[in-house]
């Protein structure tokens, strides 16, 4: 009886791990686009911040995903 239990348990572990490996190997992973079509809007609350905007706006435009809209 004990041999049957250990055999059944070992076989179950082997089947489960094999199924897990196959599921991970053949899953479909969508490829990420470098530049997606998502549009980004940036809202900048700026009260008495004229000096800081001179530095902020060029660095904002130099990012990987340029904003579609900038509202100051």
PDB file of N, CA and C in Angstrom:
ATOM      1  N   UNK A   1       0.822  -1.190   0.000  1.00  0.00           N
ATOM      2  CA  UNK A   1       0.000   0.000   0.000  1.00  0.00           C
ATOM      3  C   UNK A   1       0.873   1.264   0.000  1.00  0.00           C
ATOM      4  N   UNK A   2       1.957   1.214   0.772  1.00  0.00           N
ATOM      5  CA  UNK A   2       2.834   2.373   0.852  1.00  0.00           C
ATOM      6  C   UNK A   2       3.565   2.596  -0.470  1.00  0.00           C
ATOM      7  N   UNK A   3       3.938   1.535  -1.159  1.00  0.00           N
ATOM      8  CA  UNK A   3       4.610   1.648  -2.453  1.00  0.00           C
ATOM      9  C   UNK A   3       3.671   2.304  -3.466  1.00  0.00           C
ATOM     10  N   UNK A   4       2.411   1.925  -3.422  1.00  0.00           N
ATOM     11  CA  UNK A   4       1.424   2.518  -4.324  1.00  0.00           C
ATOM     12  C   UNK A   4       1.284   4.019  -4.062  1.00  0.00           C
ATOM     13  N   UNK A   5       1.264   4.407  -2.795  1.00  0.00           N
ATOM     14  CA  UNK A   5       1.123   5.815  -2.437  1.00  0.00           C
ATOM     15  C   UNK A   5       2.302   6.635  -2.947  1.00  0.00           C
ATOM     16  N   UNK A   6       3.527   6.164  -2.721  1.00  0.00           N
ATOM     17  CA  UNK A   6       4.713   6.894  -3.160  1.00  0.00           C
ATOM     18  C   UNK A   6       4.829   6.915  -4.683  1.00  0.00           C
ATOM     19  N   UNK A   7       4.435   5.828  -5.323  1.00  0.00           N
ATOM     20  CA  UNK A   7       4.463   5.797  -6.790  1.00  0.00           C
ATOM     21  C   UNK A   7       3.463   6.799  -7.362  1.00  0.00           C
ATOM     22  N   UNK A   8       2.280   6.825  -6.790  1.00  0.00           N
ATOM     23  CA  UNK A   8       1.248   7.745  -7.247  1.00  0.00           C
ATOM     24  C   UNK A   8       1.675   9.195  -7.009  1.00  0.00           C
ATOM     25  N   UNK A   9       2.267   9.469  -5.855  1.00  0.00           N
ATOM     26  CA  UNK A   9       2.731  10.813  -5.541  1.00  0.00           C
ATOM     27  C   UNK A   9       3.860  11.245  -6.477  1.00  0.00           C
ATOM     28  N   UNK A  10       4.814  10.373  -6.732  1.00  0.00           N
ATOM     29  CA  UNK A  10       5.919  10.692  -7.644  1.00  0.00           C
ATOM     30  C   UNK A  10       5.434  10.923  -9.063  1.00  0.00           C
ATOM     31  N   UNK A  11       4.526  10.081  -9.520  1.00  0.00           N
ATOM     32  CA  UNK A  11       3.972  10.235 -10.864  1.00  0.00           C
ATOM     33  C   UNK A  11       3.188  11.546 -10.982  1.00  0.00           C
ATOM     34  N   UNK A  12       2.474  11.909  -9.935  1.00  0.00           N
ATOM     35  CA  UNK A  12       1.731  13.170  -9.942  1.00  0.00           C
ATOM     36  C   UNK A  12       2.657  14.374 -10.024  1.00  0.00           C
ATOM     37  N   UNK A  13       3.763  14.329  -9.286  1.00  0.00           N
ATOM     38  CA  UNK A  13       4.725  15.435  -9.326  1.00  0.00           C
ATOM     39  C   UNK A  13       5.362  15.539 -10.701  1.00  0.00           C
ATOM     40  N   UNK A  14       5.699  14.413 -11.301  1.00  0.00           N
ATOM     41  CA  UNK A  14       6.295  14.417 -12.643  1.00  0.00           C
ATOM     42  C   UNK A  14       5.309  14.977 -13.669  1.00  0.00           C
ATOM     43  N   UNK A  15       4.065  14.549 -13.605  1.00  0.00           N
ATOM     44  CA  UNK A  15       3.057  15.043 -14.560  1.00  0.00           C
ATOM     45  C   UNK A  15       2.806  16.538 -14.375  1.00  0.00           C
ATOM     46  N   UNK A  16       2.711  16.982 -13.138  1.00  0.00           N
ATOM     47  CA  UNK A  16       2.463  18.395 -12.873  1.00  0.00           C
ATOM     48  C   UNK A  16       3.617  19.261 -13.359  1.00  0.00           C
ATOM     49  N   UNK A  17       4.846  18.855 -13.070  1.00  0.00           N
ATOM     50  CA  UNK A  17       5.992  19.662 -13.497  1.00  0.00           C
ATOM     51  C   UNK A  17       6.150  19.640 -15.015  1.00  0.00           C
ATOM     52  N   UNK A  18       5.839  18.521 -15.657  1.00  0.00           N
ATOM     53  CA  UNK A  18       5.902  18.462 -17.123  1.00  0.00           C
ATOM     54  C   UNK A  18       4.861  19.390 -17.749  1.00  0.00           C
ATOM     55  N   UNK A  19       3.669  19.368 -17.224  1.00  0.00           N
ATOM     56  CA  UNK A  19       2.625  20.255 -17.729  1.00  0.00           C
ATOM     57  C   UNK A  19       2.966  21.712 -17.525  1.00  0.00           C
ATOM     58  N   UNK A  20       3.550  22.031 -16.395  1.00  0.00           N
ATOM     59  CA  UNK A  20       3.965  23.408 -16.116  1.00  0.00           C
ATOM     60  C   UNK A  20       5.039  23.858 -17.094  1.00  0.00           C
ATOM     61  N   UNK A  21       6.003  22.986 -17.372  1.00  0.00           N
ATOM     62  CA  UNK A  21       7.072  23.315 -18.309  1.00  0.00           C
ATOM     63  C   UNK A  21       6.512  23.548 -19.713  1.00  0.00           C
ATOM     64  N   UNK A  22       5.617  22.699 -20.146  1.00  0.00           N
ATOM     65  CA  UNK A  22       5.027  22.843 -21.484  1.00  0.00           C
ATOM     66  C   UNK A  22       4.205  24.129 -21.563  1.00  0.00           C
ATOM     67  N   UNK A  23       3.466  24.439 -20.521  1.00  0.00           N
ATOM     68  CA  UNK A  23       2.655  25.661 -20.526  1.00  0.00           C
ATOM     69  C   UNK A  23       3.538  26.905 -20.597  1.00  0.00           C
ATOM     70  N   UNK A  24       4.648  26.904 -19.888  1.00  0.00           N
ATOM     71  CA  UNK A  24       5.536  28.062 -19.930  1.00  0.00           C
ATOM     72  C   UNK A  24       6.272  28.170 -21.255  1.00  0.00           C
ATOM     73  N   UNK A  25       6.602  27.044 -21.836  1.00  0.00           N
ATOM     74  CA  UNK A  25       7.383  27.055 -23.070  1.00  0.00           C
ATOM     75  C   UNK A  25       6.568  27.538 -24.263  1.00  0.00           C
ATOM     76  N   UNK A  26       5.315  27.195 -24.319  1.00  0.00           N
ATOM     77  CA  UNK A  26       4.508  27.486 -25.496  1.00  0.00           C
ATOM     78  C   UNK A  26       3.495  28.607 -25.291  1.00  0.00           C
ATOM     79  N   UNK A  27       3.634  29.382 -24.245  1.00  0.00           N
ATOM     80  CA  UNK A  27       2.683  30.477 -24.051  1.00  0.00           C
ATOM     81  C   UNK A  27       2.971  31.599 -25.046  1.00  0.00           C
ATOM     82  N   UNK A  28       1.952  32.291 -25.410  1.00  0.00           N
ATOM     83  CA  UNK A  28       2.071  33.395 -26.364  1.00  0.00           C
ATOM     84  C   UNK A  28       2.303  34.683 -25.583  1.00  0.00           C
ATOM     85  N   UNK A  29       3.415  35.309 -25.816  1.00  0.00           N
ATOM     86  CA  UNK A  29       3.741  36.577 -25.178  1.00  0.00           C
ATOM     87  C   UNK A  29       3.670  37.659 -26.250  1.00  0.00           C
ATOM     88  N   UNK A  30       2.794  38.637 -26.065  1.00  0.00           N
ATOM     89  CA  UNK A  30       2.707  39.691 -27.082  1.00  0.00           C
ATOM     90  C   UNK A  30       3.982  40.518 -27.105  1.00  0.00           C
ATOM     91  N   UNK A  31       4.417  40.843 -28.306  1.00  0.00           N
ATOM     92  CA  UNK A  31       5.614  41.660 -28.456  1.00  0.00           C
ATOM     93  C   UNK A  31       5.261  43.120 -28.198  1.00  0.00           C
ATOM     94  N   UNK A  32       6.065  43.746 -27.388  1.00  0.00           N
ATOM     95  CA  UNK A  32       5.835  45.153 -27.063  1.00  0.00           C
ATOM     96  C   UNK A  32       6.371  46.023 -28.191  1.00  0.00           C
ATOM     97  N   UNK A  33       5.585  46.988 -28.566  1.00  0.00           N
ATOM     98  CA  UNK A  33       6.020  47.929 -29.594  1.00  0.00           C
ATOM     99  C   UNK A  33       6.895  48.992 -28.951  1.00  0.00           C
ATOM    100  N   UNK A  34       7.900  49.396 -29.667  1.00  0.00           N
ATOM    101  CA  UNK A  34       8.796  50.423 -29.116  1.00  0.00           C
ATOM    102  C   UNK A  34       8.055  51.746 -28.953  1.00  0.00           C
ATOM    103  N   UNK A  35       7.318  52.131 -29.946  1.00  0.00           N
ATOM    104  CA  UNK A  35       6.532  53.354 -29.865  1.00  0.00           C
ATOM    105  C   UNK A  35       5.071  52.966 -30.043  1.00  0.00           C
ATOM    106  N   UNK A  36       4.364  52.942 -28.957  1.00  0.00           N
ATOM    107  CA  UNK A  36       2.961  52.564 -29.027  1.00  0.00           C
ATOM    108  C   UNK A  36       2.133  53.754 -29.510  1.00  0.00           C
ATOM    109  N   UNK A  37       0.908  53.474 -29.833  1.00  0.00           N
ATOM    110  CA  UNK A  37       0.027  54.522 -30.329  1.00  0.00           C
ATOM    111  C   UNK A  37      -0.653  55.277 -29.190  1.00  0.00           C
ATOM    112  N   UNK A  38      -0.280  54.974 -27.956  1.00  0.00           N
ATOM    113  CA  UNK A  38      -0.877  55.671 -26.822  1.00  0.00           C
ATOM    114  C   UNK A  38      -0.415  57.125 -26.801  1.00  0.00           C
ATOM    115  N   UNK A  39      -1.347  57.986 -26.527  1.00  0.00           N
ATOM    116  CA  UNK A  39      -1.035  59.409 -26.469  1.00  0.00           C
ATOM    117  C   UNK A  39      -0.917  59.822 -25.004  1.00  0.00           C
ATOM    118  N   UNK A  40       0.056  60.660 -24.736  1.00  0.00           N
ATOM    119  CA  UNK A  40       0.330  61.090 -23.370  1.00  0.00           C
ATOM    120  C   UNK A  40       0.107  62.587 -23.273  1.00  0.00           C
ATOM    121  N   UNK A  41      -0.692  62.983 -22.299  1.00  0.00           N
ATOM    122  CA  UNK A  41      -0.886  64.407 -22.016  1.00  0.00           C
ATOM    123  C   UNK A  41      -0.220  64.714 -20.686  1.00  0.00           C
ATOM    124  N   UNK A  42       0.460  65.849 -20.627  1.00  0.00           N
ATOM    125  CA  UNK A  42       1.156  66.262 -19.411  1.00  0.00           C
ATOM    126  C   UNK A  42       0.557  67.578 -18.952  1.00  0.00           C
ATOM    127  N   UNK A  43       0.124  67.605 -17.703  1.00  0.00           N
ATOM    128  CA  UNK A  43      -0.415  68.821 -17.102  1.00  0.00           C
ATOM    129  C   UNK A  43       0.596  69.302 -16.070  1.00  0.00           C
ATOM    130  N   UNK A  44       1.038  70.561 -16.209  1.00  0.00           N
ATOM    131  CA  UNK A  44       2.055  71.119 -15.318  1.00  0.00           C
ATOM    132  C   UNK A  44       1.431  72.269 -14.537  1.00  0.00           C
ATOM    133  N   UNK A  45       1.199  72.079 -13.242  1.00  0.00           N
ATOM    134  CA  UNK A  45       0.713  73.201 -12.436  1.00  0.00           C
ATOM    135  C   UNK A  45       1.884  74.136 -12.141  1.00  0.00           C
ATOM    136  N   UNK A  46       1.828  75.350 -12.659  1.00  0.00           N
ATOM    137  CA  UNK A  46       2.964  76.267 -12.520  1.00  0.00           C
ATOM    138  C   UNK A  46       2.464  77.643 -12.113  1.00  0.00           C
ATOM    139  N   UNK A  47       2.649  77.941 -10.874  1.00  0.00           N
ATOM    140  CA  UNK A  47       2.305  79.279 -10.382  1.00  0.00           C
ATOM    141  C   UNK A  47       3.605  79.931  -9.922  1.00  0.00           C
ATOM    142  N   UNK A  48       3.979  81.007 -10.568  1.00  0.00           N
ATOM    143  CA  UNK A  48       5.231  81.717 -10.288  1.00  0.00           C
ATOM    144  C   UNK A  48       6.441  80.805 -10.504  1.00  0.00           C
ATOM    145  N   UNK A  49       6.431  80.037 -11.572  1.00  0.00           N
ATOM    146  CA  UNK A  49       7.513  79.085 -11.851  1.00  0.00           C
ATOM    147  C   UNK A  49       8.155  79.345 -13.208  1.00  0.00           C
ATOM    148  N   UNK A  50       8.269  80.589 -13.611  1.00  0.00           N
ATOM    149  CA  UNK A  50       8.801  80.908 -14.931  1.00  0.00           C
ATOM    150  C   UNK A  50      10.236  80.414 -15.097  1.00  0.00           C
ATOM    151  N   UNK A  51      11.052  80.550 -14.065  1.00  0.00           N
ATOM    152  CA  UNK A  51      12.458  80.141 -14.168  1.00  0.00           C
ATOM    153  C   UNK A  51      12.597  78.628 -14.323  1.00  0.00           C
ATOM    154  N   UNK A  52      11.747  77.880 -13.652  1.00  0.00           N
ATOM    155  CA  UNK A  52      11.838  76.420 -13.719  1.00  0.00           C
ATOM    156  C   UNK A  52      11.294  75.854 -15.027  1.00  0.00           C
ATOM    157  N   UNK A  53      10.346  76.544 -15.645  1.00  0.00           N
ATOM    158  CA  UNK A  53       9.784  76.058 -16.906  1.00  0.00           C
ATOM    159  C   UNK A  53      10.814  76.070 -18.026  1.00  0.00           C
ATOM    160  N   UNK A  54      11.773  76.964 -17.947  1.00  0.00           N
ATOM    161  CA  UNK A  54      12.824  77.028 -18.970  1.00  0.00           C
ATOM    162  C   UNK A  54      13.612  75.722 -19.007  1.00  0.00           C
ATOM    163  N   UNK A  55      13.836  75.102 -17.855  1.00  0.00           N
ATOM    164  CA  UNK A  55      14.549  73.817 -17.799  1.00  0.00           C
ATOM    165  C   UNK A  55      13.612  72.638 -18.020  1.00  0.00           C
ATOM    166  N   UNK A  56      12.383  72.766 -17.547  1.00  0.00           N
ATOM    167  CA  UNK A  56      11.451  71.645 -17.567  1.00  0.00           C
ATOM    168  C   UNK A  56      10.991  71.278 -18.975  1.00  0.00           C
ATOM    169  N   UNK A  57      10.591  72.242 -19.759  1.00  0.00           N
ATOM    170  CA  UNK A  57       9.997  71.947 -21.066  1.00  0.00           C
ATOM    171  C   UNK A  57      10.961  71.264 -22.028  1.00  0.00           C
ATOM    172  N   UNK A  58      12.222  71.679 -22.167  1.00  0.00           N
ATOM    173  CA  UNK A  58      13.124  70.930 -23.050  1.00  0.00           C
ATOM    174  C   UNK A  58      13.392  69.505 -22.569  1.00  0.00           C
ATOM    175  N   UNK A  59      13.492  69.304 -21.257  1.00  0.00           N
ATOM    176  CA  UNK A  59      13.719  67.945 -20.763  1.00  0.00           C
ATOM    177  C   UNK A  59      12.480  67.083 -20.945  1.00  0.00           C
ATOM    178  N   UNK A  60      11.308  67.691 -20.897  1.00  0.00           N
ATOM    179  CA  UNK A  60      10.065  66.961 -21.125  1.00  0.00           C
ATOM    180  C   UNK A  60       9.969  66.488 -22.569  1.00  0.00           C
ATOM    181  N   UNK A  61      10.378  67.303 -23.504  1.00  0.00           N
ATOM    182  CA  UNK A  61      10.341  66.925 -24.914  1.00  0.00           C
ATOM    183  C   UNK A  61      11.433  65.921 -25.283  1.00  0.00           C
ATOM    184  N   UNK A  62      12.470  65.805 -24.492  1.00  0.00           N
ATOM    185  CA  UNK A  62      13.565  64.896 -24.797  1.00  0.00           C
ATOM    186  C   UNK A  62      13.379  63.490 -24.265  1.00  0.00           C
ATOM    187  N   UNK A  63      12.230  63.152 -23.722  1.00  0.00           N
ATOM    188  CA  UNK A  63      11.999  61.813 -23.182  1.00  0.00           C
ATOM    189  C   UNK A  63      11.778  60.808 -24.300  1.00  0.00           C
ATOM    190  N   UNK A  64      11.774  59.514 -23.939  1.00  0.00           N
ATOM    191  CA  UNK A  64      11.574  58.441 -24.922  1.00  0.00           C
ATOM    192  C   UNK A  64      10.211  58.531 -25.591  1.00  0.00           C
ATOM    193  N   UNK A  65       9.184  58.783 -24.821  1.00  0.00           N
ATOM    194  CA  UNK A  65       7.834  58.927 -25.360  1.00  0.00           C
ATOM    195  C   UNK A  65       7.459  60.394 -25.279  1.00  0.00           C
ATOM    196  N   UNK A  66       7.559  61.115 -26.376  1.00  0.00           N
ATOM    197  CA  UNK A  66       7.233  62.540 -26.308  1.00  0.00           C
ATOM    198  C   UNK A  66       5.742  62.730 -26.047  1.00  0.00           C
ATOM    199  N   UNK A  67       5.391  63.729 -25.262  1.00  0.00           N
ATOM    200  CA  UNK A  67       3.978  63.940 -24.958  1.00  0.00           C
ATOM    201  C   UNK A  67       3.214  64.446 -26.171  1.00  0.00           C
ATOM    202  N   UNK A  68       1.979  64.038 -26.264  1.00  0.00           N
ATOM    203  CA  UNK A  68       1.098  64.481 -27.340  1.00  0.00           C
ATOM    204  C   UNK A  68       0.618  65.901 -27.064  1.00  0.00           C
ATOM    205  N   UNK A  69       0.492  66.220 -25.779  1.00  0.00           N
ATOM    206  CA  UNK A  69      -0.094  67.492 -25.396  1.00  0.00           C
ATOM    207  C   UNK A  69       0.556  67.937 -24.084  1.00  0.00           C
ATOM    208  N   UNK A  70       0.954  69.198 -24.005  1.00  0.00           N
ATOM    209  CA  UNK A  70       1.508  69.776 -22.776  1.00  0.00           C
ATOM    210  C   UNK A  70       0.641  70.960 -22.392  1.00  0.00           C
ATOM    211  N   UNK A  71       0.080  70.892 -21.196  1.00  0.00           N
ATOM    212  CA  UNK A  71      -0.785  71.963 -20.697  1.00  0.00           C
ATOM    213  C   UNK A  71      -0.100  72.577 -19.488  1.00  0.00           C
ATOM    214  N   UNK A  72       0.166  73.879 -19.583  1.00  0.00           N
ATOM    215  CA  UNK A  72       0.813  74.596 -18.467  1.00  0.00           C
ATOM    216  C   UNK A  72      -0.187  75.560 -17.891  1.00  0.00           C
TER     217      UNK A  72
END
